[in-house]
Protein backbone atom coordinates (compact mmCIF):
# COMPACT_ATOMS: atom_id res chain seq x y z
CA MET A 1 6.65 283.50 245.83
CA ALA A 2 3.29 281.71 246.14
CA THR A 3 4.90 278.36 245.35
CA THR A 4 7.53 278.87 248.06
CA ARG A 5 4.86 279.91 250.57
CA ASP A 6 2.76 276.85 249.72
CA ALA A 7 5.78 274.59 250.11
CA TRP A 8 6.56 275.98 253.57
CA THR A 9 2.90 275.73 254.57
CA ALA A 10 2.89 272.06 253.56
CA THR A 11 6.15 271.47 255.45
CA LEU A 12 4.84 273.07 258.63
CA LYS A 13 1.56 271.17 258.37
CA THR A 14 3.43 267.88 258.04
CA ALA A 15 5.74 268.75 260.93
CA LEU A 16 2.89 269.81 263.21
CA PHE A 17 0.87 266.70 262.33
CA LEU A 18 3.84 264.42 263.04
CA ALA A 19 4.66 266.22 266.30
CA ALA A 20 1.12 265.83 267.64
CA THR A 21 0.92 262.23 266.43
CA PHE A 22 4.23 261.41 268.10
CA ILE A 23 3.07 262.86 271.43
CA ILE A 24 -0.14 260.81 271.26
CA ALA A 25 1.76 257.61 270.47
CA PHE A 26 4.50 258.28 273.04
CA SER A 27 1.95 259.03 275.76
CA LEU A 28 0.04 255.83 275.02
CA GLN A 29 3.28 253.85 275.01
CA LEU A 30 4.27 255.33 278.36
CA LEU A 31 0.83 254.68 279.86
CA VAL A 32 0.55 251.07 278.70
CA HIS A 33 4.15 250.25 279.70
CA GLU A 34 3.67 251.46 283.28
CA LEU A 35 0.22 249.89 283.58
CA GLY A 36 1.81 246.61 282.51
CA HIS A 37 4.13 246.79 285.53
CA LEU A 38 1.20 247.79 287.75
CA ALA A 39 -1.11 244.97 286.59
CA ALA A 40 1.62 242.34 287.00
CA GLY A 41 2.53 243.56 290.49
CA LEU A 42 -1.05 243.66 291.73
CA ALA A 43 -1.78 240.24 290.22
CA LEU A 44 1.21 238.81 292.11
CA GLY A 45 0.07 240.35 295.40
CA ALA A 46 2.58 243.19 295.64
CA GLU A 47 1.55 246.31 297.56
CA LEU A 48 1.70 249.52 295.55
CA GLU A 49 3.78 252.30 297.08
CA ARG A 50 3.80 254.89 294.31
CA LEU A 51 2.49 255.33 290.75
CA VAL A 52 3.81 258.25 288.72
CA LEU A 53 2.57 258.92 285.20
CA HIS A 54 3.96 262.06 283.62
CA PRO A 55 4.48 262.88 279.95
CA PHE A 56 7.63 264.93 280.58
CA GLY A 57 8.95 263.59 283.88
CA ASN A 58 10.10 260.20 285.12
CA SER A 59 7.13 257.82 285.10
CA GLN A 60 7.42 254.80 287.35
CA VAL A 61 5.59 252.15 289.36
CA VAL A 62 7.07 251.40 292.79
CA PHE A 63 5.97 248.53 295.00
CA LYS A 64 6.72 248.29 298.73
CA GLU A 65 7.69 244.65 298.65
CA VAL A 66 7.77 241.99 295.96
CA GLY A 67 7.84 238.33 296.96
CA ASP A 68 10.41 236.22 295.21
CA GLN A 69 12.84 236.82 292.36
CA ALA A 70 10.51 235.22 289.81
CA SER A 71 7.84 237.79 290.68
CA ARG A 72 10.31 240.63 290.26
CA VAL A 73 11.28 239.32 286.83
CA VAL A 74 7.65 239.09 285.73
CA ILE A 75 6.88 242.61 286.98
CA GLY A 76 10.02 243.99 285.35
CA LEU A 77 9.30 242.46 281.96
CA MET A 78 5.55 243.01 281.85
CA GLY A 79 5.87 246.68 280.90
CA ILE A 80 7.70 245.73 277.69
CA VAL A 81 5.40 242.77 277.02
CA MET A 82 2.22 244.82 277.47
CA ASP A 83 3.56 247.62 275.29
CA PHE A 84 4.31 245.33 272.35
CA ALA A 85 1.13 243.29 272.86
CA VAL A 86 -1.21 246.29 272.65
CA ALA A 87 0.72 248.25 270.01
CA GLY A 88 1.29 245.17 267.85
CA THR A 89 -2.33 244.03 268.05
CA LEU A 90 -3.66 247.44 267.05
CA PHE A 91 -1.17 247.73 264.20
CA PHE A 92 -1.86 244.35 262.63
CA ALA A 93 -5.61 244.77 263.08
CA LEU A 94 -5.82 248.25 261.54
CA HIS A 95 -2.77 248.93 259.34
CA LYS A 96 -4.58 248.14 256.07
CA ARG A 97 -7.43 250.55 256.87
CA LEU A 98 -5.46 253.45 258.33
CA LYS A 99 -6.29 257.07 257.64
CA PRO A 100 -4.12 260.06 258.66
CA PRO A 101 -5.84 260.73 262.05
CA PHE A 102 -4.97 257.16 263.08
CA LEU A 103 -1.30 257.42 262.16
CA PHE A 104 -0.58 257.12 265.88
CA VAL A 105 -1.31 253.38 265.65
CA PRO A 106 1.74 252.39 263.55
CA MET A 107 3.78 255.17 265.15
CA TRP A 108 3.06 253.64 268.56
CA LEU A 109 4.58 250.35 267.41
CA ALA A 110 7.58 252.21 265.95
CA ILE A 111 8.08 254.10 269.21
CA ALA A 112 7.68 250.87 271.19
CA CYS A 113 10.52 249.31 269.18
CA ILE A 114 12.78 252.36 269.46
CA GLY A 115 11.87 253.26 273.04
CA GLU A 116 12.02 249.76 274.49
CA GLY A 117 15.24 249.05 272.58
CA ILE A 118 16.90 252.17 273.97
CA GLY A 119 15.48 251.43 277.41
CA MET A 120 16.94 247.92 277.33
CA LEU A 121 20.38 249.29 276.42
CA GLY A 122 20.01 251.78 279.26
CA ASN A 123 19.14 248.98 281.69
CA ILE A 124 22.25 247.06 280.62
CA ALA A 125 24.49 250.13 281.05
CA ALA A 126 23.02 250.98 284.45
CA TYR A 127 23.30 247.39 285.68
CA ASN A 128 26.96 247.19 284.59
CA GLN A 129 27.75 250.41 286.46
CA ARG A 130 25.61 249.62 289.50
CA PRO A 131 24.70 245.93 289.86
CA ARG A 132 22.07 246.87 292.46
CA TYR A 133 20.24 248.93 289.84
CA ILE A 134 17.79 246.34 288.54
CA GLU A 135 14.91 247.59 286.39
CA ASP A 136 12.81 246.01 283.65
CA VAL A 137 14.93 243.75 281.44
CA ALA A 138 17.85 243.89 283.90
CA GLN A 139 15.85 241.49 286.08
CA LEU A 140 16.86 238.78 283.62
CA PHE A 141 20.52 239.22 284.57
CA THR A 142 19.76 238.08 288.12
CA LEU A 143 18.74 234.74 286.60
CA GLY A 144 22.05 234.37 284.79
CA VAL A 145 20.86 235.56 281.36
CA PRO A 146 23.87 237.13 279.54
CA ALA A 147 23.68 240.76 278.46
CA ALA A 148 25.01 240.19 274.91
CA PRO A 149 21.84 238.70 273.33
CA VAL A 150 19.71 241.34 275.08
CA ALA A 151 21.94 244.06 273.61
CA VAL A 152 21.66 242.53 270.13
CA LEU A 153 17.87 242.34 270.47
CA SER A 154 17.83 245.99 271.59
CA VAL A 155 19.70 247.15 268.47
CA VAL A 156 17.43 245.07 266.21
CA LEU A 157 14.35 246.64 267.81
CA ILE A 158 15.73 250.16 267.33
CA LEU A 159 16.45 249.50 263.65
CA LEU A 160 13.00 247.99 263.10
CA GLY A 161 11.39 250.98 264.79
CA MET A 162 13.33 253.41 262.60
CA LEU A 163 12.32 251.45 259.50
CA LEU A 164 8.65 251.53 260.46
CA MET A 165 8.81 255.22 261.38
CA THR A 166 10.33 256.01 257.99
CA ALA A 167 7.75 253.84 256.23
CA ILE A 168 4.67 255.57 257.70
CA THR A 169 5.61 259.25 257.29
CA PRO A 170 4.11 259.52 253.76
CA MET A 171 0.71 259.38 255.50
CA ALA A 172 1.62 262.73 257.05
CA GLY A 173 2.48 264.31 253.72
CA LEU A 174 6.19 263.48 253.52
CA ARG A 175 6.85 262.28 249.99
CA ARG A 176 9.78 260.34 248.63
CA THR A 177 10.70 263.29 246.38
CA ASP A 178 10.67 265.95 249.12
CA ASN A 179 13.95 267.76 249.62
CA PHE A 180 16.29 267.00 252.51
CA LEU A 181 15.31 270.11 254.50
CA LYS A 182 11.63 269.13 254.60
CA ARG A 183 12.55 265.58 255.58
CA LEU A 184 14.82 266.85 258.33
CA ILE A 185 12.14 269.20 259.72
CA ALA A 186 9.55 266.41 259.61
CA TYR A 187 11.67 263.87 261.49
CA PHE A 188 12.90 266.41 264.01
CA ALA A 189 9.24 267.24 264.71
CA CYS A 190 8.71 263.61 265.72
CA MET A 191 11.16 262.66 268.46
CA PRO A 192 13.58 265.54 269.19
CA LEU A 193 10.86 268.20 269.52
CA TYR A 194 9.12 266.18 272.22
CA PHE A 195 12.30 265.99 274.30
CA VAL A 196 12.95 269.71 273.77
CA LEU A 197 9.50 270.41 275.25
CA ALA A 198 10.23 268.01 278.14
CA ILE A 199 13.53 269.75 278.92
CA LEU A 200 11.91 273.20 278.81
CA TYR A 201 9.16 271.99 281.14
CA LEU A 202 11.61 270.48 283.63
CA ARG A 203 13.79 273.60 283.60
CA LEU A 204 10.76 275.83 284.07
CA LEU A 205 9.74 273.89 287.18
CA GLY A 206 13.28 273.47 288.44
CA ARG A 207 12.97 269.69 288.56
CA ALA A 208 15.75 267.38 289.70
CA SER A 209 18.88 267.11 287.57
CA PRO A 210 18.66 263.31 286.98
CA GLU A 211 15.45 263.83 285.02
CA LEU A 212 17.05 266.66 283.03
CA GLU A 213 20.12 264.54 282.32
CA MET A 214 17.95 261.67 281.12
CA ARG A 215 15.87 263.86 278.80
CA THR A 216 19.00 265.61 277.50
CA MET A 217 20.57 262.25 276.60
CA GLN A 218 17.32 261.20 274.95
CA LEU A 219 17.26 264.45 272.96
CA ALA A 220 20.79 263.86 271.69
CA LEU A 221 20.01 260.27 270.68
CA ALA A 222 16.66 261.23 269.12
CA SER A 223 18.40 263.92 267.07
CA VAL A 224 20.86 261.39 265.68
CA LEU A 225 18.05 258.96 264.82
CA ALA A 226 16.02 261.76 263.18
CA LEU A 227 19.02 262.72 261.05
CA VAL A 228 19.57 259.10 259.97
CA MET A 229 15.88 258.68 259.06
CA ALA A 230 15.86 261.93 257.08
CA VAL A 231 18.82 260.69 255.06
CA ALA A 232 17.41 257.17 254.62
CA HIS A 233 13.84 258.23 253.78
CA PRO A 234 14.10 258.02 249.94
CA LEU A 235 15.96 254.71 250.11
CA VAL A 236 13.38 253.17 252.41
CA GLN A 237 10.48 254.39 250.27
CA ASP A 238 12.11 252.94 247.13
CA LEU A 239 12.64 249.61 248.86
CA LEU A 240 9.05 249.47 250.12
CA LYS A 241 7.61 250.36 246.70
CA LYS A 242 9.60 247.57 245.05
CA ARG A 243 8.09 245.13 247.53
CA ALA A 244 4.60 246.70 247.30
CA ARG A 245 4.71 247.43 251.04
CA SER A 246 4.62 251.22 251.01
CA PHE A 247 2.05 253.27 252.92
CA PRO A 248 -0.10 255.65 250.84
CA GLU A 249 0.97 259.28 250.48
CA ALA A 250 -1.62 261.66 251.89
CA MET A 251 -1.41 265.30 252.93
CA PRO A 252 -3.52 265.64 256.11
CA GLU A 253 -6.59 267.84 255.78
CA ARG A 254 -7.24 270.66 258.21
CA ARG A 255 -9.86 268.50 259.89
CA ASP A 256 -7.30 265.71 260.35
CA LEU A 257 -4.82 268.15 261.86
CA GLY A 258 -7.49 269.53 264.20
CA VAL A 259 -8.51 266.06 265.40
CA VAL A 260 -4.91 265.05 266.09
CA LEU A 261 -4.05 268.31 267.89
CA LEU A 262 -7.18 268.09 270.07
CA SER A 263 -6.47 264.43 270.88
CA CYS A 264 -2.89 265.31 271.76
CA LEU A 265 -3.96 268.08 274.14
CA VAL A 266 -6.63 265.93 275.83
CA LEU A 267 -4.25 263.02 276.36
CA MET A 268 -1.48 265.25 277.68
CA ALA A 269 -3.90 266.99 280.04
CA GLY A 270 -5.08 263.62 281.30
CA LEU A 271 -1.53 262.50 282.08
CA PHE A 272 -0.77 265.77 283.87
CA VAL A 273 -3.86 265.27 286.03
CA LEU A 274 -2.88 261.70 286.85
């Protein structure tokens, strides 16, 4: 009985730690992405009409007028560029000295790969359905860039993000030998749980259906990715150990969990205020 209780306690601790870490990383990714658009637009002389930063809603930067097509391309791409620049720099500067409370650093890069990859595929789909819908990477299509290489790059980014996400979870207490149920709970605590919270929030406030539809689609896709990562976890860990690239296994202490939960709440509160 005690062993079973201890196992479930460890599982819930890992899941809670990963959920809070994911929210921190996702919020930072959202913030830096939108600020990238904002900085590029202001630098190019565009007049800001609206800035919306919301952890559960539709965040966006809207300018009244943007000069030429080249400026629109730069503004559209700068969100992705800024996201990878900041997340990548932090990861490569700190990944060898990481401790559990700073797991959000590699997770940010993983989310950047997955999120931007999915976003790029979404831009392609929206542009094909409505050629006037031009956001982010879709700006490239107005210059004659074909969609096929962008789609391939998107898939590669998603796979790299999933690989990195699977690689770093041992730092949250998810071992290679853990059973499938614990792995499934842990990965569902990362992405799907966030979108469940977003959907509940939007329903509670009666927000517009397009936002609900977007979050519902994201929940479905995140659930599939979580399932794939739960299945692939042992294989990825074996591969990384053979290449001496694995992250250390570490069950977060109560202090680590407290720091991450507090940071998560502060960051979320800040985005709600903004």
